[in-house]
Structure formats: C-alpha cells, structure tokens
Amino acid sequence: MSARAELSSVSTSLDELAGRITRIAESLVGDERDVVGPDLFEVERALRGARRRLNRIVDSTGS
C-alpha cells in the first residue's frame, strides 16, 4: 500500500472516530454531560483538525 493510500485510510479512520466521540458526547445526560461533555467535544475538534491537516498532506502528495 502506498503512503498516500495509507494516509487516506488513516484520515477516514480519524473522521469515523470523531463521529463516534460526538455521538457519545451527545448521548450523555445530566451531570455526566456537564462534566465530561466539553472534554469530549474538545477531543472531537482535535480529531477533525488532525483529519483536515492530514488531508492537506495527502492532497499535497499528488496521485
């Protein structure tokens, strides 16, 4: 597998992980949501940022 293909696969995995984190954060209720929710949303933002950065790298490598 080429580096570009592998990095693209990692990007997809990051997107899926971010989605899972978001769903978990949104499913929290009460005190759990107040305490843990903001941190989970921060993790989600970090994962999406990492995916965007990785996509820029993949795009810069060409085909």
PDB file of N, CA and C in Angstrom:
ATOM      1  N   MET A   1       0.845  -1.169   0.000  1.00  0.00           N
ATOM      2  CA  MET A   1       0.000   0.000   0.000  1.00  0.00           C
ATOM      3  C   MET A   1       0.898   1.241   0.000  1.00  0.00           C
ATOM      4  N   SER A   2       0.552   2.195  -0.842  1.00  0.00           N
ATOM      5  CA  SER A   2       1.340   3.426  -0.908  1.00  0.00           C
ATOM      6  C   SER A   2       1.099   4.274   0.340  1.00  0.00           C
ATOM      7  N   ALA A   3       2.045   5.157   0.606  1.00  0.00           N
ATOM      8  CA  ALA A   3       1.908   6.057   1.761  1.00  0.00           C
ATOM      9  C   ALA A   3       0.656   6.907   1.613  1.00  0.00           C
ATOM     10  N   ARG A   4       0.386   7.383   0.411  1.00  0.00           N
ATOM     11  CA  ARG A   4      -0.796   8.225   0.187  1.00  0.00           C
ATOM     12  C   ARG A   4      -2.067   7.460   0.502  1.00  0.00           C
ATOM     13  N   ALA A   5      -2.169   6.229   0.038  1.00  0.00           N
ATOM     14  CA  ALA A   5      -3.356   5.417   0.303  1.00  0.00           C
ATOM     15  C   ALA A   5      -3.504   5.124   1.790  1.00  0.00           C
ATOM     16  N   GLU A   6      -2.405   4.835   2.430  1.00  0.00           N
ATOM     17  CA  GLU A   6      -2.454   4.549   3.863  1.00  0.00           C
ATOM     18  C   GLU A   6      -2.854   5.787   4.661  1.00  0.00           C
ATOM     19  N   LEU A   7      -2.303   6.949   4.297  1.00  0.00           N
ATOM     20  CA  LEU A   7      -2.670   8.182   4.977  1.00  0.00           C
ATOM     21  C   LEU A   7      -4.135   8.530   4.741  1.00  0.00           C
ATOM     22  N   SER A   8      -4.621   8.269   3.561  1.00  0.00           N
ATOM     23  CA  SER A   8      -6.030   8.499   3.261  1.00  0.00           C
ATOM     24  C   SER A   8      -6.907   7.598   4.135  1.00  0.00           C
ATOM     25  N   SER A   9      -6.489   6.372   4.326  1.00  0.00           N
ATOM     26  CA  SER A   9      -7.217   5.441   5.192  1.00  0.00           C
ATOM     27  C   SER A   9      -7.217   5.928   6.641  1.00  0.00           C
ATOM     28  N   VAL A  10      -6.076   6.431   7.102  1.00  0.00           N
ATOM     29  CA  VAL A  10      -5.991   6.973   8.462  1.00  0.00           C
ATOM     30  C   VAL A  10      -6.926   8.172   8.584  1.00  0.00           C
ATOM     31  N   SER A  11      -6.992   9.008   7.565  1.00  0.00           N
ATOM     32  CA  SER A  11      -7.886  10.167   7.571  1.00  0.00           C
ATOM     33  C   SER A  11      -9.336   9.732   7.740  1.00  0.00           C
ATOM     34  N   THR A  12      -9.722   8.707   7.018  1.00  0.00           N
ATOM     35  CA  THR A  12     -11.080   8.170   7.141  1.00  0.00           C
ATOM     36  C   THR A  12     -11.321   7.649   8.551  1.00  0.00           C
ATOM     37  N   SER A  13     -10.342   6.970   9.109  1.00  0.00           N
ATOM     38  CA  SER A  13     -10.474   6.464  10.480  1.00  0.00           C
ATOM     39  C   SER A  13     -10.627   7.594  11.481  1.00  0.00           C
ATOM     40  N   LEU A  14      -9.878   8.678  11.299  1.00  0.00           N
ATOM     41  CA  LEU A  14      -9.999   9.832  12.188  1.00  0.00           C
ATOM     42  C   LEU A  14     -11.402  10.424  12.119  1.00  0.00           C
ATOM     43  N   ASP A  15     -11.948  10.495  10.921  1.00  0.00           N
ATOM     44  CA  ASP A  15     -13.296  11.021  10.747  1.00  0.00           C
ATOM     45  C   ASP A  15     -14.317  10.129  11.460  1.00  0.00           C
ATOM     46  N   GLU A  16     -14.147   8.824  11.330  1.00  0.00           N
ATOM     47  CA  GLU A  16     -15.051   7.887  12.000  1.00  0.00           C
ATOM     48  C   GLU A  16     -14.923   7.990  13.521  1.00  0.00           C
ATOM     49  N   LEU A  17     -13.714   8.113  14.023  1.00  0.00           N
ATOM     50  CA  LEU A  17     -13.504   8.264  15.470  1.00  0.00           C
ATOM     51  C   LEU A  17     -14.136   9.548  15.983  1.00  0.00           C
ATOM     52  N   ALA A  18     -13.971  10.632  15.254  1.00  0.00           N
ATOM     53  CA  ALA A  18     -14.569  11.905  15.661  1.00  0.00           C
ATOM     54  C   ALA A  18     -16.086  11.781  15.727  1.00  0.00           C
ATOM     55  N   GLY A  19     -16.657  11.112  14.760  1.00  0.00           N
ATOM     56  CA  GLY A  19     -18.104  10.894  14.762  1.00  0.00           C
ATOM     57  C   GLY A  19     -18.563  10.072  15.955  1.00  0.00           C
ATOM     58  N   ARG A  20     -17.804   9.056  16.283  1.00  0.00           N
ATOM     59  CA  ARG A  20     -18.135   8.228  17.452  1.00  0.00           C
ATOM     60  C   ARG A  20     -18.062   9.038  18.737  1.00  0.00           C
ATOM     61  N   ILE A  21     -17.021   9.849  18.867  1.00  0.00           N
ATOM     62  CA  ILE A  21     -16.868  10.692  20.057  1.00  0.00           C
ATOM     63  C   ILE A  21     -18.047  11.661  20.166  1.00  0.00           C
ATOM     64  N   THR A  22     -18.437  12.256  19.054  1.00  0.00           N
ATOM     65  CA  THR A  22     -19.570  13.186  19.050  1.00  0.00           C
ATOM     66  C   THR A  22     -20.844  12.485  19.498  1.00  0.00           C
ATOM     67  N   ARG A  23     -21.102  11.305  18.963  1.00  0.00           N
ATOM     68  CA  ARG A  23     -22.315  10.569  19.349  1.00  0.00           C
ATOM     69  C   ARG A  23     -22.311  10.236  20.840  1.00  0.00           C
ATOM     70  N   ILE A  24     -21.161   9.847  21.356  1.00  0.00           N
ATOM     71  CA  ILE A  24     -21.062   9.549  22.789  1.00  0.00           C
ATOM     72  C   ILE A  24     -21.337  10.814  23.596  1.00  0.00           C
ATOM     73  N   ALA A  25     -20.704  11.912  23.223  1.00  0.00           N
ATOM     74  CA  ALA A  25     -20.885  13.174  23.958  1.00  0.00           C
ATOM     75  C   ALA A  25     -22.340  13.611  23.934  1.00  0.00           C
ATOM     76  N   GLU A  26     -22.981  13.468  22.784  1.00  0.00           N
ATOM     77  CA  GLU A  26     -24.375  13.881  22.664  1.00  0.00           C
ATOM     78  C   GLU A  26     -25.319  12.973  23.434  1.00  0.00           C
ATOM     79  N   SER A  27     -24.911  11.741  23.697  1.00  0.00           N
ATOM     80  CA  SER A  27     -25.783  10.812  24.413  1.00  0.00           C
ATOM     81  C   SER A  27     -25.688  10.954  25.933  1.00  0.00           C
ATOM     82  N   LEU A  28     -24.706  11.707  26.414  1.00  0.00           N
ATOM     83  CA  LEU A  28     -24.557  11.898  27.851  1.00  0.00           C
ATOM     84  C   LEU A  28     -25.714  12.728  28.394  1.00  0.00           C
ATOM     85  N   VAL A  29     -26.059  12.484  29.652  1.00  0.00           N
ATOM     86  CA  VAL A  29     -27.153  13.235  30.273  1.00  0.00           C
ATOM     87  C   VAL A  29     -26.717  13.767  31.636  1.00  0.00           C
ATOM     88  N   GLY A  30     -27.385  14.818  32.064  1.00  0.00           N
ATOM     89  CA  GLY A  30     -27.192  15.344  33.405  1.00  0.00           C
ATOM     90  C   GLY A  30     -25.773  15.770  33.715  1.00  0.00           C
ATOM     91  N   ASP A  31     -25.363  15.449  34.928  1.00  0.00           N
ATOM     92  CA  ASP A  31     -24.031  15.838  35.402  1.00  0.00           C
ATOM     93  C   ASP A  31     -22.923  15.279  34.527  1.00  0.00           C
ATOM     94  N   GLU A  32     -23.127  14.060  34.013  1.00  0.00           N
ATOM     95  CA  GLU A  32     -22.105  13.440  33.159  1.00  0.00           C
ATOM     96  C   GLU A  32     -21.843  14.316  31.940  1.00  0.00           C
ATOM     97  N   ARG A  33     -22.910  14.840  31.355  1.00  0.00           N
ATOM     98  CA  ARG A  33     -22.754  15.698  30.172  1.00  0.00           C
ATOM     99  C   ARG A  33     -22.037  16.997  30.541  1.00  0.00           C
ATOM    100  N   ASP A  34     -22.378  17.562  31.697  1.00  0.00           N
ATOM    101  CA  ASP A  34     -21.757  18.812  32.129  1.00  0.00           C
ATOM    102  C   ASP A  34     -20.271  18.650  32.423  1.00  0.00           C
ATOM    103  N   VAL A  35     -19.891  17.494  32.973  1.00  0.00           N
ATOM    104  CA  VAL A  35     -18.511  17.274  33.390  1.00  0.00           C
ATOM    105  C   VAL A  35     -17.656  16.742  32.241  1.00  0.00           C
ATOM    106  N   VAL A  36     -18.151  15.741  31.555  1.00  0.00           N
ATOM    107  CA  VAL A  36     -17.359  15.041  30.537  1.00  0.00           C
ATOM    108  C   VAL A  36     -17.593  15.584  29.131  1.00  0.00           C
ATOM    109  N   GLY A  37     -18.788  16.085  28.879  1.00  0.00           N
ATOM    110  CA  GLY A  37     -19.158  16.534  27.536  1.00  0.00           C
ATOM    111  C   GLY A  37     -18.194  17.525  26.912  1.00  0.00           C
ATOM    112  N   PRO A  38     -17.858  18.615  27.611  1.00  0.00           N
ATOM    113  CA  PRO A  38     -16.953  19.600  26.994  1.00  0.00           C
ATOM    114  C   PRO A  38     -15.601  19.005  26.594  1.00  0.00           C
ATOM    115  N   ASP A  39     -15.076  18.117  27.417  1.00  0.00           N
ATOM    116  CA  ASP A  39     -13.795  17.487  27.075  1.00  0.00           C
ATOM    117  C   ASP A  39     -13.932  16.589  25.851  1.00  0.00           C
ATOM    118  N   LEU A  40     -15.040  15.863  25.775  1.00  0.00           N
ATOM    119  CA  LEU A  40     -15.247  15.009  24.602  1.00  0.00           C
ATOM    120  C   LEU A  40     -15.403  15.835  23.334  1.00  0.00           C
ATOM    121  N   PHE A  41     -16.107  16.955  23.417  1.00  0.00           N
ATOM    122  CA  PHE A  41     -16.231  17.815  22.236  1.00  0.00           C
ATOM    123  C   PHE A  41     -14.884  18.415  21.847  1.00  0.00           C
ATOM    124  N   GLU A  42     -14.031  18.672  22.815  1.00  0.00           N
ATOM    125  CA  GLU A  42     -12.677  19.155  22.508  1.00  0.00           C
ATOM    126  C   GLU A  42     -11.867  18.066  21.797  1.00  0.00           C
ATOM    127  N   VAL A  43     -12.014  16.828  22.233  1.00  0.00           N
ATOM    128  CA  VAL A  43     -11.346  15.708  21.562  1.00  0.00           C
ATOM    129  C   VAL A  43     -11.857  15.600  20.127  1.00  0.00           C
ATOM    130  N   GLU A  44     -13.167  15.739  19.962  1.00  0.00           N
ATOM    131  CA  GLU A  44     -13.761  15.665  18.626  1.00  0.00           C
ATOM    132  C   GLU A  44     -13.184  16.747  17.721  1.00  0.00           C
ATOM    133  N   ARG A  45     -13.074  17.974  18.239  1.00  0.00           N
ATOM    134  CA  ARG A  45     -12.498  19.070  17.447  1.00  0.00           C
ATOM    135  C   ARG A  45     -11.041  18.779  17.079  1.00  0.00           C
ATOM    136  N   ALA A  46     -10.295  18.227  18.021  1.00  0.00           N
ATOM    137  CA  ALA A  46      -8.885  17.910  17.752  1.00  0.00           C
ATOM    138  C   ALA A  46      -8.764  16.836  16.671  1.00  0.00           C
ATOM    139  N   LEU A  47      -9.624  15.834  16.724  1.00  0.00           N
ATOM    140  CA  LEU A  47      -9.587  14.776  15.713  1.00  0.00           C
ATOM    141  C   LEU A  47      -9.947  15.322  14.342  1.00  0.00           C
ATOM    142  N   ARG A  48     -10.947  16.184  14.286  1.00  0.00           N
ATOM    143  CA  ARG A  48     -11.332  16.767  12.991  1.00  0.00           C
ATOM    144  C   ARG A  48     -10.212  17.677  12.454  1.00  0.00           C
ATOM    145  N   GLY A  49      -9.549  18.399  13.351  1.00  0.00           N
ATOM    146  CA  GLY A  49      -8.409  19.220  12.936  1.00  0.00           C
ATOM    147  C   GLY A  49      -7.274  18.361  12.403  1.00  0.00           C
ATOM    148  N   ALA A  50      -7.023  17.240  13.067  1.00  0.00           N
ATOM    149  CA  ALA A  50      -5.979  16.325  12.611  1.00  0.00           C
ATOM    150  C   ALA A  50      -6.337  15.751  11.242  1.00  0.00           C
ATOM    151  N   ARG A  51      -7.616  15.431  11.041  1.00  0.00           N
ATOM    152  CA  ARG A  51      -8.048  14.899   9.744  1.00  0.00           C
ATOM    153  C   ARG A  51      -7.853  15.939   8.645  1.00  0.00           C
ATOM    154  N   ARG A  52      -8.221  17.187   8.918  1.00  0.00           N
ATOM    155  CA  ARG A  52      -8.032  18.244   7.909  1.00  0.00           C
ATOM    156  C   ARG A  52      -6.558  18.413   7.561  1.00  0.00           C
ATOM    157  N   ARG A  53      -5.724  18.414   8.578  1.00  0.00           N
ATOM    158  CA  ARG A  53      -4.280  18.576   8.338  1.00  0.00           C
ATOM    159  C   ARG A  53      -3.737  17.395   7.536  1.00  0.00           C
ATOM    160  N   LEU A  54      -4.165  16.204   7.887  1.00  0.00           N
ATOM    161  CA  LEU A  54      -3.721  15.013   7.172  1.00  0.00           C
ATOM    162  C   LEU A  54      -4.203  15.044   5.728  1.00  0.00           C
ATOM    163  N   ASN A  55      -5.434  15.511   5.511  1.00  0.00           N
ATOM    164  CA  ASN A  55      -5.945  15.617   4.143  1.00  0.00           C
ATOM    165  C   ASN A  55      -5.117  16.584   3.318  1.00  0.00           C
ATOM    166  N   ARG A  56      -4.669  17.677   3.938  1.00  0.00           N
ATOM    167  CA  ARG A  56      -3.803  18.615   3.208  1.00  0.00           C
ATOM    168  C   ARG A  56      -2.496  17.929   2.802  1.00  0.00           C
ATOM    169  N   ILE A  57      -1.963  17.108   3.693  1.00  0.00           N
ATOM    170  CA  ILE A  57      -0.733  16.374   3.377  1.00  0.00           C
ATOM    171  C   ILE A  57      -0.984  15.409   2.228  1.00  0.00           C
ATOM    172  N   VAL A  58      -2.084  14.681   2.304  1.00  0.00           N
ATOM    173  CA  VAL A  58      -2.410  13.717   1.246  1.00  0.00           C
ATOM    174  C   VAL A  58      -2.589  14.447  -0.079  1.00  0.00           C
ATOM    175  N   ASP A  59      -3.293  15.563  -0.046  1.00  0.00           N
ATOM    176  CA  ASP A  59      -3.525  16.325  -1.274  1.00  0.00           C
ATOM    177  C   ASP A  59      -2.225  16.860  -1.860  1.00  0.00           C
ATOM    178  N   SER A  60      -1.277  17.200  -0.996  1.00  0.00           N
ATOM    179  CA  SER A  60      -0.007  17.758  -1.486  1.00  0.00           C
ATOM    180  C   SER A  60       0.910  16.695  -2.080  1.00  0.00           C
ATOM    181  N   THR A  61       0.630  15.427  -1.788  1.00  0.00           N
ATOM    182  CA  THR A  61       1.481  14.359  -2.313  1.00  0.00           C
ATOM    183  C   THR A  61       1.102  13.982  -3.734  1.00  0.00           C
ATOM    184  N   GLY A  62      -0.016  14.520  -4.235  1.00  0.00           N
ATOM    185  CA  GLY A  62      -0.418  14.196  -5.590  1.00  0.00           C
ATOM    186  C   GLY A  62      -0.947  12.782  -5.699  1.00  0.00           C
ATOM    187  N   SER A  63      -0.972  12.250  -6.907  1.00  0.00           N
ATOM    188  CA  SER A  63      -1.518  10.896  -7.096  1.00  0.00           C
ATOM    189  C   SER A  63      -0.452   9.922  -7.093  1.00  0.00           C
TER     190      SER A  63
END
